[in-house]
Amino acid sequence: MNKFMLDKEDYTLLKSILSQLSKPIYVYGSRAKGTATRFSDIDLYIDAAISEEELEELKARCEASDLSIKVDLTTNLSPEFLAYIRQDFVLFK
């Protein structure tokens, strides 16, 4: 297990999928707070503008992979929600 409570295979695979993106990616939610269960999804915020096509490609790669968890990738959040979750951000890559 790692700090995001992902098993080694999921962590390695997710890191590989996201490696094509040179932007900072943050974990938030239960996996950042350390309150996740084994089956919790992982909430990821890409802290940069990327095209809708790039985002959809990353989502499709996650869904088509052998990841055992759901990945929730976001880039465009309301300022209020972003301010709320930013306090829990943990850098993924």
Foldseek 3Di string as FASTA:
>chain_A
DDLLLAPPVLLVLLCVLCVVDPFWKWWWDCSLVVNDDHAAATEIEGADDDDPVVVVVSQVSVVPDPRSYHYHYDYDDDPVVCVVGVVSIDTSD
